[in-house]
């Protein structure tokens, strides 16, 4: 007996991560991604990735309708914990192509843009 439902496979965090180098490459190549910063506005004021849209994690449910499920969604936070939770939330709500930035904006500042503030 085969399963004919459209239920996605269980969420596997390791399949929903992207490195800062991979993200930099996608941005450099102008790939049509949605980059979302799930940190709080106060954190965003300290440091941000220019291309990212700020949608704090607790506000994500109110913004879900505005996300494009046909485009890759990459989420980031400070170190990667909140963005992985946000990726899981979006995955549970039908977004298959979601990724969390491993190490968050802190890793981005270390490896990609050392001129950025760190906190």
Protein backbone atom coordinates (compact mmCIF):
# COMPACT_ATOMS: atom_id res chain seq x y z
CA UNK A 1 0.00 0.00 0.00
CA UNK A 2 1.45 3.37 -1.01
CA UNK A 3 0.99 6.70 0.67
CA UNK A 4 -0.80 8.97 -1.81
CA UNK A 5 -1.12 12.00 0.45
CA UNK A 6 0.96 15.14 -0.07
CA UNK A 7 2.35 15.06 3.48
CA UNK A 8 5.94 16.28 3.44
CA UNK A 9 8.64 14.15 5.06
CA UNK A 10 9.44 14.96 8.69
CA UNK A 11 11.49 18.12 9.23
CA UNK A 12 15.20 17.32 9.31
CA UNK A 13 17.18 20.35 10.51
CA UNK A 14 20.40 19.30 8.75
CA UNK A 15 18.58 19.49 5.40
CA UNK A 16 17.40 23.02 6.15
CA UNK A 17 20.72 24.76 6.80
CA UNK A 18 22.82 26.98 4.58
CA UNK A 19 26.35 28.21 5.23
CA UNK A 20 27.35 31.86 5.11
CA UNK A 21 29.50 31.08 2.04
CA UNK A 22 26.53 29.53 0.22
CA UNK A 23 24.35 32.54 1.07
CA UNK A 24 27.04 34.97 -0.11
CA UNK A 25 27.25 33.10 -3.42
CA UNK A 26 23.47 33.26 -3.88
CA UNK A 27 23.44 37.01 -3.14
CA UNK A 28 26.42 37.64 -5.47
CA UNK A 29 24.62 35.76 -8.25
CA UNK A 30 21.34 37.64 -7.63
CA UNK A 31 19.44 34.41 -7.06
CA UNK A 32 15.73 35.05 -6.38
CA UNK A 33 15.77 34.25 -2.67
CA UNK A 34 13.81 35.74 0.19
CA UNK A 35 16.25 36.61 2.99
CA UNK A 36 14.46 37.18 6.29
CA UNK A 37 15.97 38.43 9.55
CA UNK A 38 13.91 36.97 12.41
CA UNK A 39 15.66 38.94 15.16
CA UNK A 40 14.11 41.78 17.12
CA UNK A 41 14.24 45.41 15.85
CA UNK A 42 16.76 46.36 18.55
CA UNK A 43 19.16 43.65 17.32
CA UNK A 44 18.57 44.68 13.71
CA UNK A 45 19.65 48.24 14.57
CA UNK A 46 23.01 46.95 15.87
CA UNK A 47 23.85 45.03 12.70
CA UNK A 48 22.02 43.73 9.64
CA UNK A 49 22.53 42.14 6.25
CA UNK A 50 21.35 44.79 3.77
CA UNK A 51 19.40 42.37 1.58
CA UNK A 52 17.38 40.93 4.49
CA UNK A 53 13.83 41.89 5.39
CA UNK A 54 13.16 42.19 9.11
CA UNK A 55 10.28 40.01 10.29
CA UNK A 56 10.76 39.21 13.99
CA UNK A 57 10.07 35.55 14.73
CA UNK A 58 6.98 36.29 16.83
CA UNK A 59 5.52 38.32 13.94
CA UNK A 60 6.08 35.61 11.33
CA UNK A 61 2.51 34.19 11.51
CA UNK A 62 1.10 37.60 10.54
CA UNK A 63 3.43 37.80 7.51
CA UNK A 64 3.15 34.24 6.23
CA UNK A 65 0.69 35.19 3.47
CA UNK A 66 3.24 37.63 2.02
CA UNK A 67 5.92 34.97 1.56
CA UNK A 68 6.47 33.34 -1.82
CA UNK A 69 6.38 29.55 -1.46
CA UNK A 70 7.92 29.21 -4.94
CA UNK A 71 11.13 30.97 -3.91
CA UNK A 72 13.81 29.76 -1.54
CA UNK A 73 13.39 31.37 1.88
CA UNK A 74 16.55 31.85 3.93
CA UNK A 75 16.13 32.90 7.54
CA UNK A 76 18.77 34.28 9.86
CA UNK A 77 19.04 35.39 13.47
CA UNK A 78 21.99 36.01 15.79
CA UNK A 79 23.47 32.49 15.99
CA UNK A 80 21.01 30.24 14.13
CA UNK A 81 18.66 28.96 16.83
CA UNK A 82 15.63 31.21 16.25
CA UNK A 83 16.00 31.00 12.49
CA UNK A 84 15.93 27.19 12.66
CA UNK A 85 12.73 27.41 14.75
CA UNK A 86 11.29 29.79 12.16
CA UNK A 87 12.30 27.43 9.35
CA UNK A 88 10.52 24.60 11.15
CA UNK A 89 7.41 26.76 11.58
CA UNK A 90 7.34 27.67 7.88
CA UNK A 91 7.97 24.05 6.88
CA UNK A 92 5.01 22.97 9.03
CA UNK A 93 2.94 25.57 7.18
CA UNK A 94 3.69 24.26 3.69
CA UNK A 95 6.96 26.00 2.78
CA UNK A 96 9.27 23.25 1.55
CA UNK A 97 12.24 25.35 0.43
CA UNK A 98 13.30 27.00 3.71
CA UNK A 99 16.76 27.22 5.20
CA UNK A 100 18.35 28.63 8.33
CA UNK A 101 21.69 30.44 8.12
CA UNK A 102 24.18 28.36 10.10
CA UNK A 103 25.81 30.53 12.75
CA UNK A 104 23.51 33.46 11.97
CA UNK A 105 24.61 37.02 11.42
CA UNK A 106 27.46 36.51 13.88
CA UNK A 107 29.03 33.90 11.57
CA UNK A 108 28.35 36.22 8.61
CA UNK A 109 30.30 38.99 10.39
CA UNK A 110 33.19 36.61 11.16
CA UNK A 111 33.55 34.99 7.73
CA UNK A 112 31.99 37.31 5.14
CA UNK A 113 31.99 40.91 6.39
CA UNK A 114 34.30 41.58 9.34
CA UNK A 115 33.43 45.29 9.20
CA UNK A 116 29.99 44.52 10.69
CA UNK A 117 29.25 45.03 14.37
CA UNK A 118 29.11 41.94 16.57
CA UNK A 119 27.23 41.53 19.82
